[in-house]
Every structure is written in structure tokens, then in C-alpha cells.
C-alpha atoms as a PDB file:
ATOM      1  CA  UNK A   1      59.235 -48.097  -7.765  1.00  0.00           C
ATOM      2  CA  UNK A   2      61.713 -45.432  -8.262  1.00  0.00           C
ATOM      3  CA  UNK A   3      61.925 -42.426  -5.679  1.00  0.00           C
ATOM      4  CA  UNK A   4      60.885 -40.610  -8.687  1.00  0.00           C
ATOM      5  CA  UNK A   5      57.753 -42.405  -9.032  1.00  0.00           C
ATOM      6  CA  UNK A   6      57.415 -42.514  -5.437  1.00  0.00           C
ATOM      7  CA  UNK A   7      57.668 -38.681  -5.100  1.00  0.00           C
ATOM      8  CA  UNK A   8      54.924 -37.971  -8.060  1.00  0.00           C
ATOM      9  CA  UNK A   9      52.515 -40.793  -6.789  1.00  0.00           C
ATOM     10  CA  UNK A  10      52.376 -39.104  -3.609  1.00  0.00           C
ATOM     11  CA  UNK A  11      52.498 -35.641  -4.963  1.00  0.00           C
ATOM     12  CA  UNK A  12      49.288 -36.801  -7.395  1.00  0.00           C
ATOM     13  CA  UNK A  13      47.351 -38.169  -4.300  1.00  0.00           C
ATOM     14  CA  UNK A  14      48.399 -34.982  -2.258  1.00  0.00           C
ATOM     15  CA  UNK A  15      46.705 -32.598  -5.363  1.00  0.00           C
ATOM     16  CA  UNK A  16      43.464 -35.352  -5.343  1.00  0.00           C
ATOM     17  CA  UNK A  17      43.153 -34.774  -1.945  1.00  0.00           C
ATOM     18  CA  UNK A  18      43.631 -31.055  -1.920  1.00  0.00           C
ATOM     19  CA  UNK A  19      41.027 -30.846  -4.398  1.00  0.00           C
ATOM     20  CA  UNK A  20      38.653 -33.117  -2.545  1.00  0.00           C
ATOM     21  CA  UNK A  21      39.446 -30.970   0.722  1.00  0.00           C
ATOM     22  CA  UNK A  22      38.308 -27.776  -1.529  1.00  0.00           C
ATOM     23  CA  UNK A  23      35.611 -29.179  -2.890  1.00  0.00           C
ATOM     24  CA  UNK A  24      34.210 -30.278   0.184  1.00  0.00           C
ATOM     25  CA  UNK A  25      35.054 -26.744   1.868  1.00  0.00           C
ATOM     26  CA  UNK A  26      32.901 -25.552  -0.849  1.00  0.00           C
ATOM     27  CA  UNK A  27      30.134 -27.513  -0.245  1.00  0.00           C
ATOM     28  CA  UNK A  28      29.853 -26.426   3.220  1.00  0.00           C
ATOM     29  CA  UNK A  29      30.377 -23.030   2.374  1.00  0.00           C
ATOM     30  CA  UNK A  30      27.413 -23.154   0.169  1.00  0.00           C
ATOM     31  CA  UNK A  31      25.346 -24.836   2.704  1.00  0.00           C
ATOM     32  CA  UNK A  32      26.190 -22.663   5.613  1.00  0.00           C
ATOM     33  CA  UNK A  33      25.497 -19.945   3.241  1.00  0.00           C
ATOM     34  CA  UNK A  34      21.849 -21.103   2.398  1.00  0.00           C
ATOM     35  CA  UNK A  35      21.004 -21.791   6.056  1.00  0.00           C
ATOM     36  CA  UNK A  36      22.279 -18.010   6.944  1.00  0.00           C
ATOM     37  CA  UNK A  37      19.943 -16.254   4.306  1.00  0.00           C
ATOM     38  CA  UNK A  38      17.065 -18.726   4.540  1.00  0.00           C
ATOM     39  CA  UNK A  39      15.360 -16.753   7.668  1.00  0.00           C
ATOM     40  CA  UNK A  40      15.661 -13.311   5.559  1.00  0.00           C
ATOM     41  CA  UNK A  41      12.231 -13.325   3.070  1.00  0.00           C
ATOM     42  CA  UNK A  42      12.644  -9.903   2.674  1.00  0.00           C
ATOM     43  CA  UNK A  43      15.744 -10.503   0.285  1.00  0.00           C
ATOM     44  CA  UNK A  44      15.092 -11.050  -3.337  1.00  0.00           C
ATOM     45  CA  UNK A  45      16.201 -13.873  -5.409  1.00  0.00           C
ATOM     46  CA  UNK A  46      19.318 -11.952  -6.874  1.00  0.00           C
ATOM     47  CA  UNK A  47      20.164 -10.032  -3.104  1.00  0.00           C
ATOM     48  CA  UNK A  48      19.857 -13.695  -1.827  1.00  0.00           C
ATOM     49  CA  UNK A  49      22.279 -14.994  -4.629  1.00  0.00           C
ATOM     50  CA  UNK A  50      24.524 -12.353  -3.491  1.00  0.00           C
ATOM     51  CA  UNK A  51      24.585 -12.542  -0.188  1.00  0.00           C
ATOM     52  CA  UNK A  52      25.339 -16.119  -0.437  1.00  0.00           C
ATOM     53  CA  UNK A  53      28.053 -16.046  -2.779  1.00  0.00           C
ATOM     54  CA  UNK A  54      29.792 -13.580  -0.664  1.00  0.00           C
ATOM     55  CA  UNK A  55      29.167 -15.554   2.556  1.00  0.00           C
ATOM     56  CA  UNK A  56      30.583 -18.942   0.969  1.00  0.00           C
ATOM     57  CA  UNK A  57      34.108 -16.544  -0.768  1.00  0.00           C
ATOM     58  CA  UNK A  58      34.217 -15.575   2.888  1.00  0.00           C
ATOM     59  CA  UNK A  59      33.710 -18.971   4.533  1.00  0.00           C
ATOM     60  CA  UNK A  60      36.579 -20.748   1.990  1.00  0.00           C
ATOM     61  CA  UNK A  61      38.737 -17.272   3.105  1.00  0.00           C
ATOM     62  CA  UNK A  62      38.684 -18.531   6.299  1.00  0.00           C
ATOM     63  CA  UNK A  63      39.028 -22.022   5.636  1.00  0.00           C
ATOM     64  CA  UNK A  64      42.539 -21.008   3.742  1.00  0.00           C
ATOM     65  CA  UNK A  65      43.660 -19.152   6.734  1.00  0.00           C
ATOM     66  CA  UNK A  66      42.794 -21.591   8.950  1.00  0.00           C
ATOM     67  CA  UNK A  67      44.346 -24.371   7.093  1.00  0.00           C
ATOM     68  CA  UNK A  68      47.598 -22.233   6.482  1.00  0.00           C
ATOM     69  CA  UNK A  69      47.891 -21.797   9.727  1.00  0.00           C
ATOM     70  CA  UNK A  70      47.685 -25.786  10.433  1.00  0.00           C
ATOM     71  CA  UNK A  71      50.153 -26.218   7.904  1.00  0.00           C
ATOM     72  CA  UNK A  72      52.505 -23.600   9.879  1.00  0.00           C
ATOM     73  CA  UNK A  73      51.889 -25.361  13.213  1.00  0.00           C
ATOM     74  CA  UNK A  74      52.568 -28.684  11.461  1.00  0.00           C
ATOM     75  CA  UNK A  75      56.060 -27.650   9.979  1.00  0.00           C
ATOM     76  CA  UNK A  76      57.315 -25.918  13.807  1.00  0.00           C
ATOM     77  CA  UNK A  77      56.174 -28.991  15.261  1.00  0.00           C
ATOM     78  CA  UNK A  78      57.830 -30.964  12.850  1.00  0.00           C
ATOM     79  CA  UNK A  79      61.137 -29.276  13.305  1.00  0.00           C
ATOM     80  CA  UNK A  80      60.898 -29.584  16.858  1.00  0.00           C
ATOM     81  CA  UNK A  81      60.165 -33.035  17.109  1.00  0.00           C
ATOM     82  CA  UNK A  82      63.568 -33.385  14.550  1.00  0.00           C
ATOM     83  CA  UNK A  83      65.654 -31.755  16.863  1.00  0.00           C
ATOM     84  CA  UNK A  84      64.677 -33.549  19.985  1.00  0.00           C
ATOM     85  CA  UNK A  85      64.822 -36.949  17.746  1.00  0.00           C
ATOM     86  CA  UNK A  86      68.409 -35.971  16.541  1.00  0.00           C
ATOM     87  CA  UNK A  87      69.560 -34.933  20.244  1.00  0.00           C
ATOM     88  CA  UNK A  88      68.312 -37.896  21.662  1.00  0.00           C
ATOM     89  CA  UNK A  89      70.486 -39.826  19.345  1.00  0.00           C
ATOM     90  CA  UNK A  90      73.446 -38.035  19.705  1.00  0.00           C
ATOM     91  CA  UNK A  91      73.200 -38.423  23.720  1.00  0.00           C
ATOM     92  CA  UNK A  92      72.174 -42.645  22.962  1.00  0.00           C
ATOM     93  CA  UNK A  93      75.522 -42.784  20.332  1.00  0.00           C
ATOM     94  CA  UNK A  94      77.597 -40.786  23.586  1.00  0.00           C
ATOM     95  CA  UNK A  95      76.195 -43.087  26.201  1.00  0.00           C
ATOM     96  CA  UNK A  96      76.895 -45.976  24.267  1.00  0.00           C
ATOM     97  CA  UNK A  97      80.597 -45.189  23.095  1.00  0.00           C
ATOM     98  CA  UNK A  98      81.113 -44.490  26.822  1.00  0.00           C
ATOM     99  CA  UNK A  99      79.601 -48.010  28.113  1.00  0.00           C
ATOM    100  CA  UNK A 100      81.920 -49.331  25.924  1.00  0.00           C
ATOM    101  CA  UNK A 101      84.764 -47.939  26.491  1.00  0.00           C
ATOM    102  CA  UNK A 102      84.465 -48.371  30.575  1.00  0.00           C
ATOM    103  CA  UNK A 103      83.461 -52.191  29.290  1.00  0.00           C
ATOM    104  CA  UNK A 104      87.115 -52.503  26.970  1.00  0.00           C
ATOM    105  CA  UNK A 105      88.478 -50.369  30.052  1.00  0.00           C
ATOM    106  CA  UNK A 106      86.943 -52.934  32.617  1.00  0.00           C
ATOM    107  CA  UNK A 107      87.703 -56.190  30.319  1.00  0.00           C
ATOM    108  CA  UNK A 108      91.856 -54.706  29.824  1.00  0.00           C
ATOM    109  CA  UNK A 109      92.388 -54.501  33.899  1.00  0.00           C
ATOM    110  CA  UNK A 110      90.818 -58.171  34.206  1.00  0.00           C
ATOM    111  CA  UNK A 111      93.123 -59.630  31.292  1.00  0.00           C
ATOM    112  CA  UNK A 112      96.323 -57.654  32.662  1.00  0.00           C
END
């Protein structure tokens, strides 16, 4: 599998996951809207439909804002972890080089 195929496959799976998440959230919004409007017996069917439609739209908008915040936070965390990882690698390489230099120095002194 080439790198391009892997990228396209990952993108395809991410798109499917996004559509499934959106569909599930819409269904949750519809269910929450129906629960919200159920005790409002004085509403006509048209009014109830409008309240449910607006409630579902607000529910979906809030979910999108939440997803956006989560994605931004995940990006910031990834950047922080990558920076820490690179710093750790640099320090480990420096320690390894110092250790090799000391061992080489000890070996030279012992052989002299």
C-alpha cells in the first residue's frame, strides 16, 4: 500500500466517522427536542415542530462548538507533547555522546 493510498484510506475512514458522528448527534438533538417539547401541551403541532427544529439546531451548534474546542485543545496538547519528546531526545543524545566520550577517554588513558 502506497503512502497516497494510506492517506486516502485514512481520509475516507475519517469522513465516514465524521458523518456517523454528525448523524448520531442529530438524532440525539431530535430526541432531546422531543423530550423538551413533550410537556408543552398547549403548543400546536406546527409550534411544536418549530420548537423542536430550533432546539435541534441549537443542540447541533453547541456540539460543533464543543468539537472545535476539543480539536483545538488536542492540537495544542500534541504540539506540547511533541516539543517535550524532541527535547527529551536531544537530552538523551547529548547524554549518550558524553558517555561515549568519557568511555573513550577512559579507554585511551587505560591503554596509554
